[in-house]
Amino acid sequence: MTEIGIGILGGGYMGKAHAVAMAAVGAVFDTALRPRLEMVCATTPASAERYRRAYGFQRATDDWQLLVNDPKVEAIVIASPQQTHRVVAEAAFALGKPVFCEKPLGASLADSRAMVAAAEASGCPNMVGFNYIRTPASQYARQLIADGLIGEVTWFRGEHTEDFYADPDAPATWRTEGEANGTMGDLAPHMINGAMALIGPIAELIAEVETVHMDRPGGRVTNDDQGQMMCRFANGAMGQMFFSRIATGRKMGYAYEITGTKGAIRFDQEDQNALWLYLSEGDEATRGFRKILTGPAHPDYLPFCQGPGHGTGYQDQILIEARDFLRAIETQTPVWPTFEDGMVVNQVIAAAMAASEARAWQTVSTF
């Protein structure tokens, strides 16, 4: 086993998730590389020190450049606001350090392209944090589709819906400012990434994006509340997606339905340890969707639990990401999703925003 010093930028919600994952991944997956929580960076010395004590880091700082340049920090996890992603990643790659970056990759498509260029020029391992597609159930769905069990895919419906801004009287915050913090920058990337993982590249689309609650206590909203799009995948399948932060009653509405010529699949993240499968075989009288509970026979389940149906949780998705990132560093081979894959998500979002503005179909490859 070899130690590797980890530096994490951001100690909040996702910073904590990645710190916990790096602290536990060696024991859960018996990784050849064993992370050492070397340094955490936050906006003030006081908050950085608080995170250091809480998560078990060796050191703390409020200067991201100090963290990136420190020789004991050998790999970087970016869990800070989107506007910081590009400058931090470029600095880390210039020093030959691997980078894991939370989604969305960049605050804009231009930022994402620059980050991909920096990653490719450095040759360093790089990865983007799309955790939901890594549940054992969704990994199994990808496997079933790739194996052709449900035949040729003809239709896809996906959503990422939550209700944290469903109340019109909820106050304005940083989430209601800046395009990257709107629903299309925050929630949509997860389902777009998931759709492409399951079905393949998106060739063209038409979309509608809107702000429903223009004014909130404390300020005017400058980004979007919800968006919808119809799309055509490169393999010919038809698709539609919906994204919303004002979907009353939805807490973790990352859900999809997939129709094929021989069967169909349904999944809902609010019941993340179950996959619904229909196969067009056998007596018509006995056909129907059956609920498959994830267990040790499904991808990345056994390291967490030996009991079928006992389930995995949100933090376990982050642990799987940590294992994959360490594997990329150890083997010096790309592990999906790379920065290139993250950039393509930004490309689809750029096409969707343009389609909404023009009220016309757009070809994704032109963006």
Protein backbone atom coordinates (compact mmCIF):
# COMPACT_ATOMS: atom_id res chain seq x y z
CA MET A 1 0.00 0.00 0.00
CA THR A 2 1.16 3.53 -0.82
CA GLU A 3 -0.04 6.74 0.79
CA ILE A 4 -1.18 9.69 -1.30
CA GLY A 5 -1.72 13.18 0.11
CA ILE A 6 -5.16 14.60 -0.67
CA GLY A 7 -6.03 18.29 -0.73
CA ILE A 8 -9.69 19.30 -0.79
CA LEU A 9 -10.90 22.76 -1.74
CA GLY A 10 -14.15 23.43 0.07
CA GLY A 11 -15.26 22.05 3.39
CA GLY A 12 -19.03 22.39 3.07
CA TYR A 13 -21.59 19.83 1.93
CA MET A 14 -19.53 18.19 -0.81
CA GLY A 15 -16.18 18.90 0.83
CA LYS A 16 -17.30 16.88 3.84
CA ALA A 17 -18.63 14.08 1.60
CA HIS A 18 -15.28 13.78 -0.19
CA ALA A 19 -13.29 13.97 3.06
CA VAL A 20 -15.36 11.15 4.56
CA ALA A 21 -14.98 9.12 1.36
CA MET A 22 -11.22 9.54 1.23
CA ALA A 23 -10.95 8.57 4.89
CA ALA A 24 -12.91 5.35 4.36
CA VAL A 25 -12.20 4.24 0.78
CA GLY A 26 -9.08 2.26 1.62
CA ALA A 27 -10.89 0.07 4.13
CA VAL A 28 -14.04 -0.36 2.00
CA PHE A 29 -12.33 -1.21 -1.32
CA ASP A 30 -8.84 -2.25 -0.13
CA THR A 31 -7.27 0.25 -2.52
CA ALA A 32 -3.58 0.08 -3.38
CA LEU A 33 -3.38 3.85 -2.84
CA ARG A 34 -4.39 4.93 0.66
CA PRO A 35 -5.45 8.59 0.93
CA ARG A 36 -3.98 10.82 3.62
CA LEU A 37 -6.11 13.88 4.38
CA GLU A 38 -3.31 16.40 4.01
CA MET A 39 -4.94 19.82 3.67
CA VAL A 40 -8.36 21.47 3.43
CA CYS A 41 -9.04 24.95 2.08
CA ALA A 42 -11.99 27.16 3.03
CA THR A 43 -12.88 30.84 2.67
CA THR A 44 -11.58 31.93 6.11
CA PRO A 45 -8.86 30.66 8.45
CA ALA A 46 -11.47 29.95 11.12
CA SER A 47 -13.71 27.83 8.90
CA ALA A 48 -10.70 26.00 7.43
CA GLU A 49 -9.47 25.13 10.92
CA ARG A 50 -12.94 23.99 11.92
CA TYR A 51 -13.08 21.63 8.94
CA ARG A 52 -9.56 20.39 9.67
CA ARG A 53 -10.52 19.33 13.18
CA ALA A 54 -13.87 17.88 12.17
CA TYR A 55 -12.66 15.81 9.20
CA GLY A 56 -9.16 14.85 10.33
CA PHE A 57 -6.91 16.80 7.95
CA GLN A 58 -3.27 17.41 8.81
CA ARG A 59 -3.43 21.11 7.95
CA ALA A 60 -5.81 23.90 6.93
CA THR A 61 -5.61 27.10 4.88
CA ASP A 62 -7.75 29.82 3.36
CA ASP A 63 -5.36 30.15 0.37
CA TRP A 64 -6.10 27.71 -2.46
CA GLN A 65 -2.74 28.43 -4.09
CA LEU A 66 -0.94 27.32 -0.95
CA LEU A 67 -2.86 24.04 -1.03
CA VAL A 68 -2.28 23.36 -4.73
CA ASN A 69 1.44 24.18 -4.53
CA ASP A 70 2.16 22.19 -1.37
CA PRO A 71 4.43 19.21 -2.20
CA LYS A 72 2.63 16.96 0.29
CA VAL A 73 -0.66 17.52 -1.55
CA GLU A 74 -0.36 15.01 -4.39
CA ALA A 75 -3.95 14.98 -5.69
CA ILE A 76 -6.64 17.66 -5.68
CA VAL A 77 -10.39 17.44 -5.07
CA ILE A 78 -12.29 20.58 -6.12
CA ALA A 79 -15.50 20.92 -4.12
CA SER A 80 -15.67 24.72 -4.23
CA PRO A 81 -18.05 26.97 -6.25
CA GLN A 82 -18.11 26.51 -10.03
CA GLN A 83 -16.49 29.88 -10.66
CA THR A 84 -13.29 28.60 -8.99
CA HIS A 85 -12.99 25.32 -10.89
CA ARG A 86 -11.00 26.47 -13.90
CA VAL A 87 -8.24 28.44 -12.19
CA VAL A 88 -7.64 25.75 -9.57
CA ALA A 89 -7.61 22.89 -12.09
CA GLU A 90 -5.23 24.70 -14.44
CA ALA A 91 -2.82 25.43 -11.59
CA ALA A 92 -2.91 21.82 -10.39
CA PHE A 93 -2.36 20.37 -13.87
CA ALA A 94 0.56 22.74 -14.43
CA LEU A 95 2.21 21.04 -11.44
CA GLY A 96 1.40 17.55 -12.71
CA LYS A 97 -1.22 16.80 -10.07
CA PRO A 98 -4.37 14.68 -10.69
CA VAL A 99 -7.67 16.51 -10.26
CA PHE A 100 -11.16 15.39 -9.29
CA CYS A 101 -13.69 18.18 -9.90
CA GLU A 102 -17.28 18.33 -8.76
CA LYS A 103 -19.91 18.95 -11.43
CA PRO A 104 -20.51 21.03 -13.41
CA LEU A 105 -16.97 20.95 -14.76
CA GLY A 106 -16.77 24.67 -15.49
CA ALA A 107 -18.94 27.70 -14.87
CA SER A 108 -19.26 27.95 -18.68
CA LEU A 109 -18.58 25.87 -21.76
CA ALA A 110 -15.49 27.99 -22.43
CA ASP A 111 -14.16 27.22 -18.95
CA SER A 112 -14.82 23.51 -19.46
CA ARG A 113 -12.97 23.47 -22.78
CA ALA A 114 -9.99 25.23 -21.19
CA MET A 115 -9.98 22.69 -18.35
CA VAL A 116 -10.05 19.78 -20.81
CA ALA A 117 -7.14 21.32 -22.72
CA ALA A 118 -5.15 21.73 -19.50
CA ALA A 119 -5.89 18.14 -18.48
CA GLU A 120 -4.85 16.76 -21.86
CA ALA A 121 -1.67 18.84 -21.97
CA SER A 122 -0.64 17.61 -18.51
CA GLY A 123 -1.47 13.95 -19.09
CA CYS A 124 -2.71 13.80 -15.49
CA PRO A 125 -5.65 11.65 -14.36
CA ASN A 126 -8.85 13.69 -14.19
CA MET A 127 -12.44 12.96 -13.26
CA VAL A 128 -15.77 14.75 -12.79
CA GLY A 129 -18.16 14.07 -9.92
CA PHE A 130 -21.41 12.64 -11.28
CA ASN A 131 -22.22 10.41 -8.34
CA TYR A 132 -25.86 9.37 -8.90
CA ILE A 133 -25.14 7.25 -11.97
CA ARG A 134 -22.80 5.15 -9.77
CA THR A 135 -25.49 3.51 -7.64
CA PRO A 136 -25.41 -0.30 -7.98
CA ALA A 137 -28.90 -0.14 -9.55
CA SER A 138 -27.92 2.36 -12.27
CA GLN A 139 -24.67 0.55 -12.94
CA TYR A 140 -26.71 -2.61 -13.41
CA ALA A 141 -29.11 -0.77 -15.74
CA ARG A 142 -26.15 0.29 -17.89
CA GLN A 143 -24.99 -3.32 -17.97
CA LEU A 144 -28.42 -4.66 -19.00
CA ILE A 145 -28.69 -2.12 -21.82
CA ALA A 146 -25.15 -2.79 -23.05
CA ASP A 147 -25.84 -6.55 -23.02
CA GLY A 148 -28.90 -6.00 -25.18
CA LEU A 149 -31.34 -7.52 -22.70
CA ILE A 150 -34.07 -4.96 -23.46
CA GLY A 151 -33.22 -4.89 -27.16
CA GLU A 152 -32.76 -1.72 -29.17
CA VAL A 153 -33.50 1.37 -27.09
CA THR A 154 -36.24 3.48 -28.69
CA TRP A 155 -37.21 5.97 -25.96
CA PHE A 156 -35.78 7.61 -22.84
CA ARG A 157 -37.39 9.84 -20.23
CA GLY A 158 -35.30 11.36 -17.45
CA GLU A 159 -35.70 13.95 -14.73
CA HIS A 160 -33.80 15.56 -11.91
CA THR A 161 -36.39 17.27 -9.76
CA GLU A 162 -36.20 18.66 -6.22
CA ASP A 163 -38.32 21.10 -4.22
CA PHE A 164 -35.80 23.13 -2.22
CA TYR A 165 -37.10 26.31 -3.92
CA ALA A 166 -40.74 25.31 -4.37
CA ASP A 167 -41.84 27.87 -1.77
CA PRO A 168 -42.11 31.27 -3.51
CA ASP A 169 -41.35 32.95 -0.19
CA ALA A 170 -38.03 31.16 0.30
CA PRO A 171 -35.39 33.90 0.44
CA ALA A 172 -32.94 34.71 -2.32
CA THR A 173 -29.44 33.29 -1.75
CA TRP A 174 -26.30 32.60 -3.80
CA ARG A 175 -28.30 29.81 -5.45
CA THR A 176 -30.60 32.34 -7.12
CA GLU A 177 -27.70 34.28 -8.68
CA GLY A 178 -25.56 33.38 -11.67
CA GLU A 179 -26.33 31.00 -14.53
CA ALA A 180 -24.11 28.23 -13.16
CA ASN A 181 -26.17 28.07 -9.95
CA GLY A 182 -29.56 27.76 -11.66
CA THR A 183 -31.34 24.49 -12.28
CA MET A 184 -29.63 24.05 -15.67
CA GLY A 185 -26.23 24.45 -14.03
CA ASP A 186 -26.99 22.61 -10.79
CA LEU A 187 -29.44 19.73 -11.36
CA ALA A 188 -29.57 19.23 -15.13
CA PRO A 189 -25.92 18.08 -15.46
CA HIS A 190 -26.61 14.95 -13.39
CA MET A 191 -29.45 13.68 -15.57
CA ILE A 192 -27.80 14.73 -18.84
CA ASN A 193 -24.72 12.77 -17.82
CA GLY A 194 -26.92 9.86 -16.76
CA ALA A 195 -28.83 9.88 -20.05
CA MET A 196 -25.62 9.77 -22.08
CA ALA A 197 -24.19 7.03 -19.84
CA LEU A 198 -27.27 4.90 -20.38
CA ILE A 199 -28.22 5.70 -23.99
CA GLY A 200 -25.27 7.44 -25.65
CA PRO A 201 -24.46 10.88 -27.12
CA ILE A 202 -27.21 13.45 -27.71
CA ALA A 203 -27.28 14.63 -31.32
CA GLU A 204 -29.90 17.37 -31.29
CA LEU A 205 -32.44 18.95 -28.99
CA ILE A 206 -35.06 21.61 -28.38
CA ALA A 207 -35.59 23.08 -24.94
CA GLU A 208 -37.50 25.56 -22.81
CA VAL A 209 -35.95 27.12 -19.72
CA GLU A 210 -37.72 29.52 -17.37
CA THR A 211 -37.69 31.34 -14.06
CA VAL A 212 -41.07 30.90 -12.34
CA HIS A 213 -40.48 32.96 -9.20
CA MET A 214 -38.76 36.12 -10.43
CA ASP A 215 -38.65 37.89 -7.07
CA ARG A 216 -37.91 36.41 -3.68
CA PRO A 217 -37.47 38.02 -0.25
CA GLY A 218 -34.07 39.68 -0.30
CA GLY A 219 -33.56 40.01 -4.05
CA ARG A 220 -34.43 39.32 -7.67
CA VAL A 221 -33.76 35.87 -9.11
CA THR A 222 -31.26 35.95 -12.00
CA ASN A 223 -31.19 32.28 -12.97
CA ASP A 224 -33.62 29.50 -13.93
CA ASP A 225 -36.07 27.46 -11.84
CA GLN A 226 -36.93 24.73 -14.32
CA GLY A 227 -36.27 23.47 -17.82
CA GLN A 228 -37.44 20.79 -20.20
CA MET A 229 -36.07 19.39 -23.41
CA MET A 230 -36.82 16.91 -26.16
CA CYS A 231 -33.82 15.29 -27.77
CA ARG A 232 -32.70 12.77 -30.35
CA PHE A 233 -29.80 10.55 -29.38
CA ALA A 234 -27.08 9.69 -31.89
CA ASN A 235 -28.31 6.07 -31.97
CA GLY A 236 -31.75 7.26 -33.09
CA ALA A 237 -33.58 6.91 -29.77
CA MET A 238 -36.09 9.61 -28.85
CA GLY A 239 -35.74 11.34 -25.48
CA GLN A 240 -37.19 13.91 -23.14
CA MET A 241 -35.90 15.37 -19.86
CA PHE A 242 -37.19 17.67 -17.15
CA PHE A 243 -35.21 19.55 -14.50
CA SER A 244 -36.64 21.56 -11.61
CA ARG A 245 -35.79 22.97 -8.19
CA ILE A 246 -39.44 23.92 -7.62
CA ALA A 247 -40.98 20.43 -8.07
CA THR A 248 -43.19 20.39 -4.98
CA GLY A 249 -42.91 17.09 -3.14
CA ARG A 250 -39.81 15.84 -4.92
CA LYS A 251 -36.75 15.45 -2.69
CA MET A 252 -34.34 13.44 -4.85
CA GLY A 253 -36.17 13.04 -8.13
CA TYR A 254 -33.35 11.59 -10.20
CA ALA A 255 -35.46 9.16 -12.20
CA TYR A 256 -35.59 7.58 -15.63
CA GLU A 257 -37.58 5.24 -17.85
CA ILE A 258 -36.08 3.39 -20.80
CA THR A 259 -38.05 1.54 -23.46
CA GLY A 260 -36.48 -1.07 -25.72
CA THR A 261 -37.74 -3.47 -28.36
CA LYS A 262 -37.50 -6.42 -25.94
CA GLY A 263 -38.10 -4.81 -22.56
CA ALA A 264 -38.04 -1.72 -20.38
CA ILE A 265 -36.36 -0.31 -17.27
CA ARG A 266 -37.53 2.15 -14.59
CA PHE A 267 -35.52 3.74 -11.77
CA ASP A 268 -36.12 6.40 -9.10
CA GLN A 269 -33.32 7.67 -6.83
CA GLU A 270 -35.79 8.10 -3.97
CA ASP A 271 -35.79 4.29 -3.94
CA GLN A 272 -32.18 3.96 -5.03
CA ASN A 273 -31.72 0.30 -4.15
CA ALA A 274 -34.39 -0.96 -6.53
CA LEU A 275 -34.55 -1.33 -10.29
CA TRP A 276 -37.75 -2.18 -12.16
CA LEU A 277 -37.33 -4.46 -15.16
CA TYR A 278 -39.85 -5.65 -17.78
CA LEU A 279 -38.98 -8.33 -20.33
CA SER A 280 -41.13 -9.26 -23.33
CA GLU A 281 -40.91 -12.99 -22.78
CA GLY A 282 -42.94 -15.82 -21.33
CA ASP A 283 -46.71 -16.12 -20.97
CA GLU A 284 -48.45 -12.79 -21.60
CA ALA A 285 -50.61 -13.41 -18.54
CA THR A 286 -47.57 -13.39 -16.25
CA ARG A 287 -45.68 -10.47 -17.76
CA GLY A 288 -45.13 -7.26 -15.84
CA PHE A 289 -42.45 -5.06 -14.28
CA ARG A 290 -40.57 -6.84 -11.52
CA LYS A 291 -38.73 -5.12 -8.71
CA ILE A 292 -35.07 -6.09 -8.42
CA LEU A 293 -33.51 -5.29 -5.05
CA THR A 294 -29.78 -4.61 -5.33
CA GLY A 295 -27.40 -6.95 -3.56
CA PRO A 296 -23.92 -8.50 -3.75
CA ALA A 297 -24.58 -9.70 -7.32
CA HIS A 298 -24.76 -6.10 -8.55
CA PRO A 299 -21.85 -3.73 -9.31
CA ASP A 300 -20.03 -2.17 -6.31
CA TYR A 301 -22.53 -3.42 -3.72
CA LEU A 302 -20.60 -6.19 -1.92
CA PRO A 303 -17.83 -3.97 -0.47
CA PHE A 304 -20.52 -2.18 1.54
CA CYS A 305 -22.80 -5.03 2.60
CA GLN A 306 -23.19 -8.80 2.22
CA GLY A 307 -26.97 -8.75 2.55
CA PRO A 308 -29.21 -8.39 -0.52
CA GLY A 309 -31.82 -5.68 -0.10
CA HIS A 310 -30.03 -4.00 2.80
CA GLY A 311 -29.06 -1.17 0.48
CA THR A 312 -26.44 1.51 -0.08
CA GLY A 313 -26.75 5.26 0.48
CA TYR A 314 -25.67 8.64 -0.84
CA GLN A 315 -22.26 8.62 0.83
CA ASP A 316 -21.49 5.25 -0.73
CA GLN A 317 -21.77 6.80 -4.19
CA ILE A 318 -19.00 9.24 -3.23
CA LEU A 319 -16.90 6.34 -1.94
CA ILE A 320 -17.23 4.59 -5.31
CA GLU A 321 -16.07 7.80 -7.01
CA ALA A 322 -13.06 7.99 -4.67
CA ARG A 323 -12.13 4.40 -5.52
CA ASP A 324 -12.34 5.16 -9.23
CA PHE A 325 -10.25 8.33 -8.91
CA LEU A 326 -7.54 6.47 -6.96
CA ARG A 327 -7.58 3.71 -9.55
CA ALA A 328 -7.05 6.26 -12.33
CA ILE A 329 -4.05 7.66 -10.45
CA GLU A 330 -2.63 4.23 -9.67
CA THR A 331 -2.95 2.88 -13.22
CA GLN A 332 -2.45 6.20 -15.04
CA THR A 333 -5.45 5.32 -17.22
CA PRO A 334 -8.63 7.36 -17.75
CA VAL A 335 -11.66 6.46 -15.65
CA TRP A 336 -15.14 7.62 -16.75
CA PRO A 337 -16.29 10.37 -16.51
CA THR A 338 -13.20 12.34 -17.47
CA PHE A 339 -13.04 16.11 -17.92
CA GLU A 340 -13.86 15.50 -21.59
CA ASP A 341 -17.09 13.76 -20.55
CA GLY A 342 -17.90 16.65 -18.21
CA MET A 343 -17.31 19.16 -20.99
CA VAL A 344 -19.81 17.36 -23.23
CA VAL A 345 -22.46 17.85 -20.53
CA ASN A 346 -21.73 21.58 -20.59
CA GLN A 347 -22.03 21.45 -24.37
CA VAL A 348 -25.52 19.93 -24.16
CA ILE A 349 -26.55 22.59 -21.62
CA ALA A 350 -25.24 25.35 -23.91
CA ALA A 351 -27.30 23.89 -26.76
CA ALA A 352 -30.37 23.73 -24.51
CA MET A 353 -30.03 27.37 -23.46
CA ALA A 354 -29.64 28.42 -27.09
CA ALA A 355 -32.64 26.30 -28.09
CA SER A 356 -34.76 27.94 -25.42
CA GLU A 357 -33.72 31.40 -26.59
CA ALA A 358 -34.28 30.66 -30.28
CA ARG A 359 -37.27 28.35 -29.73
CA ALA A 360 -35.75 26.02 -32.32
CA TRP A 361 -33.93 22.70 -32.55
CA GLN A 362 -30.16 22.84 -32.10
CA THR A 363 -27.38 20.46 -33.14
CA VAL A 364 -25.23 19.79 -30.07
CA SER A 365 -21.98 19.35 -32.01
CA THR A 366 -22.13 22.98 -33.23
CA PHE A 367 -21.56 24.28 -29.69
